[in-house]
Amino acid sequence: MSARPFTGRHAAVVIGGGFLIVIAVNLAMAVLAAGTFTGTVVRNGYVASQDFNRWLAAGRAQQALGWTVAVDAADGRVVLVVTGADGAAVTGLAATGTARHPMDAGRTVALGFREVAPGRHVAAERLPPGAWDLAFALDAGAAGGGNRRFVRTERLVVR
């Protein structure tokens, strides 16, 4: 029984096969990545730039409120705890939000909150375990001398 010699043809097949595997994996990853995140942050950059000064003013107004919002998840439900600059609970706010899975835009959950204790808002909906991009708004409306609104986005890990 004699061993066949390793020839240049064999080397070309092995190297070519390796490159084909790498190319196939790269193509598969590119297709999967393009299908889960489009890369679009805003639809039209020019139109978004026209709102920049309004966004800055809203940010300054929010910062002037002095509110601190702690975000957590208990039993799969999002919990927001709102305190004022003096450390006291901020009450009477309407809270709304959405949770979007960072890798699958189709997995978006609208969150309805209710205030269960002074300054403590709990979502009615449960989120499955994993990472979620949470966007929420706290609105005081016209109560207390003007429209007061707090908006934030943050990554939340539900265990």
N, C-alpha and C. Protein backbone atom coordinates (compact mmCIF):
# COMPACT_ATOMS: atom_id res chain seq x y z
N MET A 1 0.83 -1.16 0.00
CA MET A 1 0.00 0.00 0.00
C MET A 1 0.89 1.23 0.00
N SER A 2 0.81 2.01 -1.05
CA SER A 2 1.66 3.19 -1.16
C SER A 2 0.81 4.45 -1.02
N ALA A 3 1.39 5.42 -0.32
CA ALA A 3 0.69 6.69 -0.12
C ALA A 3 0.83 7.54 -1.37
N ARG A 4 -0.25 8.20 -1.74
CA ARG A 4 -0.19 9.07 -2.91
C ARG A 4 0.52 10.36 -2.52
N PRO A 5 1.35 10.87 -3.37
CA PRO A 5 2.09 12.10 -3.03
C PRO A 5 1.14 13.33 -3.06
N PHE A 6 1.47 14.27 -2.21
CA PHE A 6 0.72 15.53 -2.15
C PHE A 6 1.26 16.42 -3.25
N THR A 7 0.43 16.72 -4.22
CA THR A 7 0.89 17.46 -5.39
C THR A 7 0.42 18.91 -5.35
N GLY A 8 0.85 19.66 -6.31
CA GLY A 8 0.42 21.05 -6.46
C GLY A 8 -1.08 21.15 -6.67
N ARG A 9 -1.65 20.19 -7.36
CA ARG A 9 -3.10 20.17 -7.58
C ARG A 9 -3.84 20.03 -6.25
N HIS A 10 -3.33 19.15 -5.37
CA HIS A 10 -3.94 18.99 -4.05
C HIS A 10 -3.87 20.30 -3.26
N ALA A 11 -2.74 20.95 -3.29
CA ALA A 11 -2.56 22.22 -2.57
C ALA A 11 -3.53 23.28 -3.10
N ALA A 12 -3.70 23.32 -4.43
CA ALA A 12 -4.61 24.30 -5.01
C ALA A 12 -6.05 24.03 -4.58
N VAL A 13 -6.45 22.78 -4.50
CA VAL A 13 -7.81 22.42 -4.08
C VAL A 13 -8.02 22.79 -2.61
N VAL A 14 -7.05 22.51 -1.76
CA VAL A 14 -7.17 22.83 -0.33
C VAL A 14 -7.25 24.34 -0.12
N ILE A 15 -6.37 25.09 -0.76
CA ILE A 15 -6.37 26.55 -0.61
C ILE A 15 -7.64 27.16 -1.20
N GLY A 16 -8.02 26.71 -2.38
CA GLY A 16 -9.26 27.19 -3.02
C GLY A 16 -10.48 26.88 -2.18
N GLY A 17 -10.55 25.66 -1.63
CA GLY A 17 -11.67 25.28 -0.76
C GLY A 17 -11.74 26.15 0.48
N GLY A 18 -10.59 26.46 1.07
CA GLY A 18 -10.55 27.34 2.25
C GLY A 18 -11.10 28.72 1.92
N PHE A 19 -10.67 29.27 0.80
CA PHE A 19 -11.17 30.59 0.39
C PHE A 19 -12.68 30.55 0.12
N LEU A 20 -13.17 29.49 -0.49
CA LEU A 20 -14.61 29.38 -0.75
C LEU A 20 -15.41 29.34 0.55
N ILE A 21 -14.90 28.65 1.55
CA ILE A 21 -15.58 28.60 2.85
C ILE A 21 -15.63 29.99 3.48
N VAL A 22 -14.51 30.71 3.46
CA VAL A 22 -14.46 32.06 4.03
C VAL A 22 -15.42 33.00 3.30
N ILE A 23 -15.44 32.93 1.98
CA ILE A 23 -16.34 33.79 1.19
C ILE A 23 -17.79 33.46 1.48
N ALA A 24 -18.13 32.17 1.58
CA ALA A 24 -19.51 31.77 1.86
C ALA A 24 -19.96 32.26 3.24
N VAL A 25 -19.10 32.14 4.24
CA VAL A 25 -19.45 32.61 5.58
C VAL A 25 -19.62 34.13 5.58
N ASN A 26 -18.72 34.85 4.93
CA ASN A 26 -18.83 36.32 4.87
C ASN A 26 -20.12 36.75 4.18
N LEU A 27 -20.47 36.10 3.09
CA LEU A 27 -21.72 36.44 2.40
C LEU A 27 -22.93 36.17 3.28
N ALA A 28 -22.93 35.03 3.96
CA ALA A 28 -24.05 34.69 4.85
C ALA A 28 -24.17 35.73 5.97
N MET A 29 -23.06 36.12 6.58
CA MET A 29 -23.08 37.12 7.67
C MET A 29 -23.55 38.48 7.15
N ALA A 30 -23.13 38.87 5.96
CA ALA A 30 -23.55 40.15 5.40
C ALA A 30 -25.05 40.17 5.13
N VAL A 31 -25.58 39.08 4.60
CA VAL A 31 -27.02 39.00 4.33
C VAL A 31 -27.80 39.06 5.64
N LEU A 32 -27.36 38.32 6.65
CA LEU A 32 -28.05 38.34 7.94
C LEU A 32 -27.97 39.72 8.60
N ALA A 33 -26.82 40.36 8.53
CA ALA A 33 -26.67 41.69 9.13
C ALA A 33 -27.54 42.72 8.43
N ALA A 34 -27.59 42.69 7.13
CA ALA A 34 -28.40 43.67 6.38
C ALA A 34 -29.89 43.45 6.64
N GLY A 35 -30.29 42.23 6.95
CA GLY A 35 -31.70 41.95 7.19
C GLY A 35 -32.18 42.35 8.57
N THR A 36 -31.26 42.55 9.54
CA THR A 36 -31.68 42.88 10.90
C THR A 36 -31.48 44.34 11.26
N PHE A 37 -30.56 45.04 10.61
CA PHE A 37 -30.34 46.46 10.90
C PHE A 37 -30.00 47.19 9.62
N THR A 38 -30.81 48.16 9.29
CA THR A 38 -30.63 48.87 8.02
C THR A 38 -29.53 49.90 8.07
N GLY A 39 -29.16 50.34 9.27
CA GLY A 39 -28.14 51.38 9.40
C GLY A 39 -28.72 52.78 9.35
N THR A 40 -30.01 52.90 9.11
CA THR A 40 -30.64 54.21 9.03
C THR A 40 -30.94 54.74 10.42
N VAL A 41 -30.42 55.92 10.72
CA VAL A 41 -30.71 56.57 11.99
C VAL A 41 -31.84 57.58 11.81
N VAL A 42 -31.75 58.37 10.78
CA VAL A 42 -32.83 59.29 10.40
C VAL A 42 -33.07 59.12 8.91
N ARG A 43 -34.30 59.33 8.48
CA ARG A 43 -34.62 59.14 7.06
C ARG A 43 -34.00 60.23 6.19
N ASN A 44 -34.00 61.45 6.68
CA ASN A 44 -33.50 62.56 5.90
C ASN A 44 -32.66 63.46 6.81
N GLY A 45 -31.35 63.45 6.61
CA GLY A 45 -30.44 64.22 7.47
C GLY A 45 -30.71 65.71 7.43
N TYR A 46 -31.05 66.25 6.28
CA TYR A 46 -31.32 67.68 6.17
C TYR A 46 -32.54 68.08 7.00
N VAL A 47 -33.61 67.31 6.88
CA VAL A 47 -34.82 67.61 7.65
C VAL A 47 -34.53 67.49 9.14
N ALA A 48 -33.77 66.45 9.53
CA ALA A 48 -33.42 66.28 10.94
C ALA A 48 -32.59 67.46 11.44
N SER A 49 -31.72 68.00 10.60
CA SER A 49 -30.88 69.12 11.03
C SER A 49 -31.71 70.38 11.30
N GLN A 50 -32.86 70.49 10.67
CA GLN A 50 -33.73 71.65 10.89
C GLN A 50 -34.34 71.64 12.29
N ASP A 51 -34.40 70.47 12.91
CA ASP A 51 -34.95 70.34 14.26
C ASP A 51 -33.89 70.41 15.35
N PHE A 52 -32.64 70.59 14.97
CA PHE A 52 -31.54 70.52 15.94
C PHE A 52 -31.71 71.52 17.08
N ASN A 53 -32.00 72.78 16.76
CA ASN A 53 -32.15 73.79 17.81
C ASN A 53 -33.32 73.49 18.73
N ARG A 54 -34.39 72.94 18.16
CA ARG A 54 -35.54 72.55 19.00
C ARG A 54 -35.14 71.42 19.94
N TRP A 55 -34.34 70.46 19.44
CA TRP A 55 -33.87 69.36 20.29
C TRP A 55 -32.98 69.88 21.42
N LEU A 56 -32.12 70.85 21.09
CA LEU A 56 -31.27 71.44 22.13
C LEU A 56 -32.10 72.13 23.20
N ALA A 57 -33.10 72.88 22.79
CA ALA A 57 -33.96 73.58 23.76
C ALA A 57 -34.72 72.59 24.64
N ALA A 58 -35.20 71.51 24.04
CA ALA A 58 -35.91 70.49 24.82
C ALA A 58 -34.96 69.82 25.81
N GLY A 59 -33.73 69.60 25.41
CA GLY A 59 -32.73 69.01 26.30
C GLY A 59 -32.41 69.92 27.47
N ARG A 60 -32.28 71.21 27.21
CA ARG A 60 -32.02 72.17 28.29
C ARG A 60 -33.20 72.24 29.26
N ALA A 61 -34.42 72.24 28.71
CA ALA A 61 -35.62 72.27 29.55
C ALA A 61 -35.69 71.00 30.41
N GLN A 62 -35.35 69.87 29.83
CA GLN A 62 -35.37 68.62 30.59
C GLN A 62 -34.31 68.65 31.69
N GLN A 63 -33.14 69.14 31.39
CA GLN A 63 -32.07 69.22 32.38
C GLN A 63 -32.45 70.16 33.52
N ALA A 64 -33.17 71.24 33.21
CA ALA A 64 -33.59 72.20 34.22
C ALA A 64 -34.59 71.60 35.20
N LEU A 65 -35.31 70.54 34.78
CA LEU A 65 -36.26 69.89 35.69
C LEU A 65 -35.55 69.30 36.91
N GLY A 66 -34.33 68.80 36.70
CA GLY A 66 -33.57 68.21 37.79
C GLY A 66 -34.04 66.82 38.18
N TRP A 67 -34.82 66.20 37.31
CA TRP A 67 -35.33 64.86 37.62
C TRP A 67 -34.23 63.82 37.39
N THR A 68 -34.25 62.79 38.23
CA THR A 68 -33.39 61.63 38.06
C THR A 68 -34.30 60.43 37.87
N VAL A 69 -34.02 59.63 36.87
CA VAL A 69 -34.85 58.46 36.60
C VAL A 69 -33.97 57.21 36.67
N ALA A 70 -34.31 56.33 37.60
CA ALA A 70 -33.64 55.04 37.70
C ALA A 70 -34.47 54.02 36.93
N VAL A 71 -33.81 53.25 36.06
CA VAL A 71 -34.51 52.27 35.23
C VAL A 71 -34.03 50.88 35.63
N ASP A 72 -34.99 49.98 35.79
CA ASP A 72 -34.66 48.60 36.15
C ASP A 72 -35.74 47.69 35.58
N ALA A 73 -35.53 46.40 35.72
CA ALA A 73 -36.53 45.42 35.29
C ALA A 73 -36.76 44.47 36.46
N ALA A 74 -38.01 44.31 36.84
CA ALA A 74 -38.37 43.38 37.91
C ALA A 74 -39.39 42.40 37.36
N ASP A 75 -39.06 41.13 37.38
CA ASP A 75 -39.97 40.10 36.91
C ASP A 75 -40.36 40.32 35.44
N GLY A 76 -39.41 40.85 34.65
CA GLY A 76 -39.67 41.09 33.23
C GLY A 76 -40.40 42.38 32.93
N ARG A 77 -40.76 43.13 33.95
CA ARG A 77 -41.47 44.40 33.75
C ARG A 77 -40.50 45.57 33.97
N VAL A 78 -40.60 46.56 33.10
CA VAL A 78 -39.75 47.75 33.23
C VAL A 78 -40.27 48.59 34.38
N VAL A 79 -39.33 49.07 35.22
CA VAL A 79 -39.67 49.90 36.37
C VAL A 79 -38.91 51.21 36.25
N LEU A 80 -39.63 52.33 36.36
CA LEU A 80 -39.04 53.66 36.35
C LEU A 80 -39.27 54.28 37.72
N VAL A 81 -38.22 54.78 38.35
CA VAL A 81 -38.34 55.47 39.63
C VAL A 81 -37.85 56.90 39.42
N VAL A 82 -38.76 57.87 39.61
CA VAL A 82 -38.48 59.27 39.30
C VAL A 82 -38.35 60.07 40.59
N THR A 83 -37.21 60.75 40.73
CA THR A 83 -37.00 61.64 41.87
C THR A 83 -36.62 63.02 41.37
N GLY A 84 -36.97 64.03 42.15
CA GLY A 84 -36.65 65.40 41.79
C GLY A 84 -35.27 65.79 42.29
N ALA A 85 -34.90 67.04 42.06
CA ALA A 85 -33.60 67.55 42.49
C ALA A 85 -33.44 67.48 44.00
N ASP A 86 -34.55 67.57 44.72
CA ASP A 86 -34.52 67.51 46.18
C ASP A 86 -34.52 66.09 46.72
N GLY A 87 -34.57 65.09 45.85
CA GLY A 87 -34.56 63.69 46.25
C GLY A 87 -35.94 63.12 46.52
N ALA A 88 -36.97 63.96 46.47
CA ALA A 88 -38.33 63.48 46.71
C ALA A 88 -38.91 62.88 45.43
N ALA A 89 -39.84 61.97 45.58
CA ALA A 89 -40.49 61.33 44.43
C ALA A 89 -41.30 62.36 43.65
N VAL A 90 -41.21 62.28 42.33
CA VAL A 90 -42.01 63.13 41.45
C VAL A 90 -43.26 62.34 41.09
N THR A 91 -44.42 62.86 41.44
CA THR A 91 -45.66 62.12 41.26
C THR A 91 -46.53 62.77 40.19
N GLY A 92 -47.56 62.02 39.78
CA GLY A 92 -48.55 62.54 38.85
C GLY A 92 -48.08 62.60 37.41
N LEU A 93 -47.08 61.82 37.06
CA LEU A 93 -46.56 61.82 35.69
C LEU A 93 -47.24 60.74 34.86
N ALA A 94 -47.41 61.01 33.59
CA ALA A 94 -47.87 60.00 32.64
C ALA A 94 -46.62 59.43 31.97
N ALA A 95 -46.45 58.12 32.06
CA ALA A 95 -45.26 57.47 31.50
C ALA A 95 -45.67 56.59 30.32
N THR A 96 -44.92 56.71 29.23
CA THR A 96 -45.11 55.86 28.05
C THR A 96 -43.75 55.40 27.58
N GLY A 97 -43.74 54.33 26.79
CA GLY A 97 -42.46 53.87 26.29
C GLY A 97 -42.58 52.75 25.29
N THR A 98 -41.45 52.43 24.69
CA THR A 98 -41.34 51.28 23.81
C THR A 98 -40.02 50.57 24.11
N ALA A 99 -40.03 49.27 23.93
CA ALA A 99 -38.82 48.47 24.06
C ALA A 99 -38.60 47.79 22.72
N ARG A 100 -37.41 47.97 22.17
CA ARG A 100 -37.08 47.40 20.86
C ARG A 100 -35.86 46.52 21.00
N HIS A 101 -35.95 45.33 20.45
CA HIS A 101 -34.80 44.43 20.50
C HIS A 101 -33.72 45.00 19.59
N PRO A 102 -32.48 45.12 20.08
CA PRO A 102 -31.43 45.78 19.28
C PRO A 102 -31.04 45.04 18.00
N MET A 103 -31.31 43.75 17.92
CA MET A 103 -30.92 43.00 16.73
C MET A 103 -32.08 42.63 15.83
N ASP A 104 -33.31 42.94 16.27
CA ASP A 104 -34.48 42.56 15.49
C ASP A 104 -35.53 43.65 15.63
N ALA A 105 -35.57 44.56 14.66
CA ALA A 105 -36.49 45.70 14.73
C ALA A 105 -37.95 45.25 14.77
N GLY A 106 -38.23 44.03 14.33
CA GLY A 106 -39.59 43.51 14.36
C GLY A 106 -40.06 43.17 15.77
N ARG A 107 -39.13 43.05 16.70
CA ARG A 107 -39.49 42.74 18.08
C ARG A 107 -39.56 44.04 18.88
N THR A 108 -40.64 44.77 18.70
CA THR A 108 -40.85 46.02 19.42
C THR A 108 -42.10 45.87 20.28
N VAL A 109 -42.00 46.28 21.53
CA VAL A 109 -43.11 46.15 22.47
C VAL A 109 -43.48 47.54 22.98
N ALA A 110 -44.75 47.93 22.80
CA ALA A 110 -45.24 49.19 23.37
C ALA A 110 -45.48 48.96 24.85
N LEU A 111 -45.02 49.90 25.68
CA LEU A 111 -45.13 49.76 27.12
C LEU A 111 -46.14 50.75 27.69
N GLY A 112 -47.05 50.25 28.47
CA GLY A 112 -48.00 51.09 29.19
C GLY A 112 -47.65 51.06 30.67
N PHE A 113 -47.37 52.20 31.25
CA PHE A 113 -46.96 52.28 32.65
C PHE A 113 -48.10 52.76 33.54
N ARG A 114 -48.04 52.34 34.80
CA ARG A 114 -48.93 52.94 35.79
C ARG A 114 -48.11 53.19 37.04
N GLU A 115 -48.48 54.23 37.75
CA GLU A 115 -47.76 54.62 38.96
C GLU A 115 -48.28 53.76 40.12
N VAL A 116 -47.42 52.89 40.64
CA VAL A 116 -47.83 51.97 41.71
C VAL A 116 -47.48 52.50 43.10
N ALA A 117 -46.58 53.45 43.14
CA ALA A 117 -46.18 54.12 44.38
C ALA A 117 -45.70 55.51 43.96
N PRO A 118 -45.58 56.44 44.89
CA PRO A 118 -45.13 57.78 44.50
C PRO A 118 -43.80 57.73 43.73
N GLY A 119 -43.85 58.19 42.48
CA GLY A 119 -42.66 58.24 41.63
C GLY A 119 -42.22 56.91 41.05
N ARG A 120 -42.94 55.84 41.32
CA ARG A 120 -42.55 54.50 40.83
C ARG A 120 -43.58 54.03 39.80
N HIS A 121 -43.12 53.87 38.55
CA HIS A 121 -43.97 53.46 37.42
C HIS A 121 -43.54 52.08 36.96
N VAL A 122 -44.53 51.19 36.81
CA VAL A 122 -44.26 49.81 36.38
C VAL A 122 -45.03 49.53 35.10
N ALA A 123 -44.35 48.92 34.13
CA ALA A 123 -44.98 48.58 32.86
C ALA A 123 -45.90 47.38 33.05
N ALA A 124 -47.01 47.38 32.35
CA ALA A 124 -47.95 46.26 32.42
C ALA A 124 -47.43 45.06 31.63
N GLU A 125 -46.65 45.31 30.59
CA GLU A 125 -46.16 44.26 29.70
C GLU A 125 -44.85 43.67 30.24
N ARG A 126 -44.68 42.38 30.03
CA ARG A 126 -43.44 41.70 30.41
C ARG A 126 -42.55 41.56 29.17
N LEU A 127 -41.27 41.77 29.37
CA LEU A 127 -40.30 41.58 28.29
C LEU A 127 -39.58 40.25 28.49
N PRO A 128 -39.32 39.54 27.40
CA PRO A 128 -38.53 38.31 27.51
C PRO A 128 -37.09 38.67 27.92
N PRO A 129 -36.38 37.72 28.51
CA PRO A 129 -34.98 37.98 28.89
C PRO A 129 -34.14 38.40 27.69
N GLY A 130 -33.18 39.27 27.95
CA GLY A 130 -32.27 39.73 26.91
C GLY A 130 -32.07 41.23 26.97
N ALA A 131 -31.34 41.75 26.01
CA ALA A 131 -31.07 43.18 25.93
C ALA A 131 -32.19 43.86 25.14
N TRP A 132 -32.59 45.05 25.59
CA TRP A 132 -33.65 45.83 24.94
C TRP A 132 -33.23 47.28 24.91
N ASP A 133 -33.55 47.97 23.81
CA ASP A 133 -33.37 49.41 23.73
C ASP A 133 -34.68 50.05 24.18
N LEU A 134 -34.63 50.70 25.32
CA LEU A 134 -35.82 51.27 25.93
C LEU A 134 -35.88 52.76 25.64
N ALA A 135 -37.01 53.23 25.13
CA ALA A 135 -37.26 54.66 24.94
C ALA A 135 -38.51 54.99 25.74
N PHE A 136 -38.40 55.98 26.62
CA PHE A 136 -39.56 56.31 27.44
C PHE A 136 -39.69 57.82 27.59
N ALA A 137 -40.91 58.23 27.91
CA ALA A 137 -41.21 59.65 28.14
C ALA A 137 -42.05 59.77 29.39
N LEU A 138 -41.73 60.76 30.19
CA LEU A 138 -42.49 61.10 31.39
C LEU A 138 -43.06 62.48 31.16
N ASP A 139 -44.35 62.61 31.29
CA ASP A 139 -45.03 63.85 30.94
C ASP A 139 -45.85 64.35 32.12
N ALA A 140 -45.57 65.59 32.54
CA ALA A 140 -46.35 66.20 33.63
C ALA A 140 -47.46 67.05 33.07
N GLY A 141 -47.48 67.25 31.76
CA GLY A 141 -48.52 68.08 31.15
C GLY A 141 -48.42 69.52 31.63
N ALA A 142 -49.55 70.15 31.76
CA ALA A 142 -49.58 71.56 32.16
C ALA A 142 -49.54 71.73 33.67
N ALA A 143 -49.51 70.62 34.42
CA ALA A 143 -49.49 70.72 35.88
C ALA A 143 -48.19 71.37 36.34
N GLY A 144 -48.27 72.19 37.34
CA GLY A 144 -47.08 72.79 37.92
C GLY A 144 -46.48 73.91 37.11
N GLY A 145 -47.27 74.62 36.36
CA GLY A 145 -46.78 75.83 35.69
C GLY A 145 -46.12 75.62 34.35
N GLY A 146 -46.56 74.69 33.57
CA GLY A 146 -46.01 74.55 32.23
C GLY A 146 -45.83 73.11 31.84
N ASN A 147 -45.62 72.89 30.57
CA ASN A 147 -45.46 71.54 30.05
C ASN A 147 -44.08 71.03 30.45
N ARG A 148 -44.03 69.99 31.25
CA ARG A 148 -42.77 69.40 31.69
C ARG A 148 -42.68 67.99 31.14
N ARG A 149 -41.59 67.72 30.42
CA ARG A 149 -41.44 66.43 29.75
C ARG A 149 -40.01 65.94 29.90
N PHE A 150 -39.85 64.65 30.17
CA PHE A 150 -38.55 64.00 30.30
C PHE A 150 -38.52 62.83 29.33
N VAL A 151 -37.53 62.79 28.45
CA VAL A 151 -37.42 61.74 27.44
C VAL A 151 -36.02 61.15 27.49
N ARG A 152 -35.94 59.82 27.41
CA ARG A 152 -34.61 59.21 27.42
C ARG A 152 -34.66 57.86 26.72
N THR A 153 -33.54 57.47 26.15
CA THR A 153 -33.37 56.12 25.61
C THR A 153 -32.20 55.49 26.34
N GLU A 154 -32.30 54.20 26.56
CA GLU A 154 -31.22 53.51 27.25
C GLU A 154 -31.32 52.02 27.01
N ARG A 155 -30.21 51.34 27.12
CA ARG A 155 -30.16 49.88 26.98
C ARG A 155 -30.51 49.26 28.32
N LEU A 156 -31.41 48.29 28.28
CA LEU A 156 -31.86 47.61 29.49
C LEU A 156 -31.70 46.12 29.29
N VAL A 157 -31.13 45.45 30.27
CA VAL A 157 -30.97 44.00 30.19
C VAL A 157 -31.98 43.37 31.15
N VAL A 158 -32.87 42.56 30.60
CA VAL A 158 -33.86 41.85 31.39
C VAL A 158 -33.33 40.45 31.66
N ARG A 159 -33.31 40.08 32.91
CA ARG A 159 -32.80 38.74 33.28
C ARG A 159 -33.92 37.80 33.58
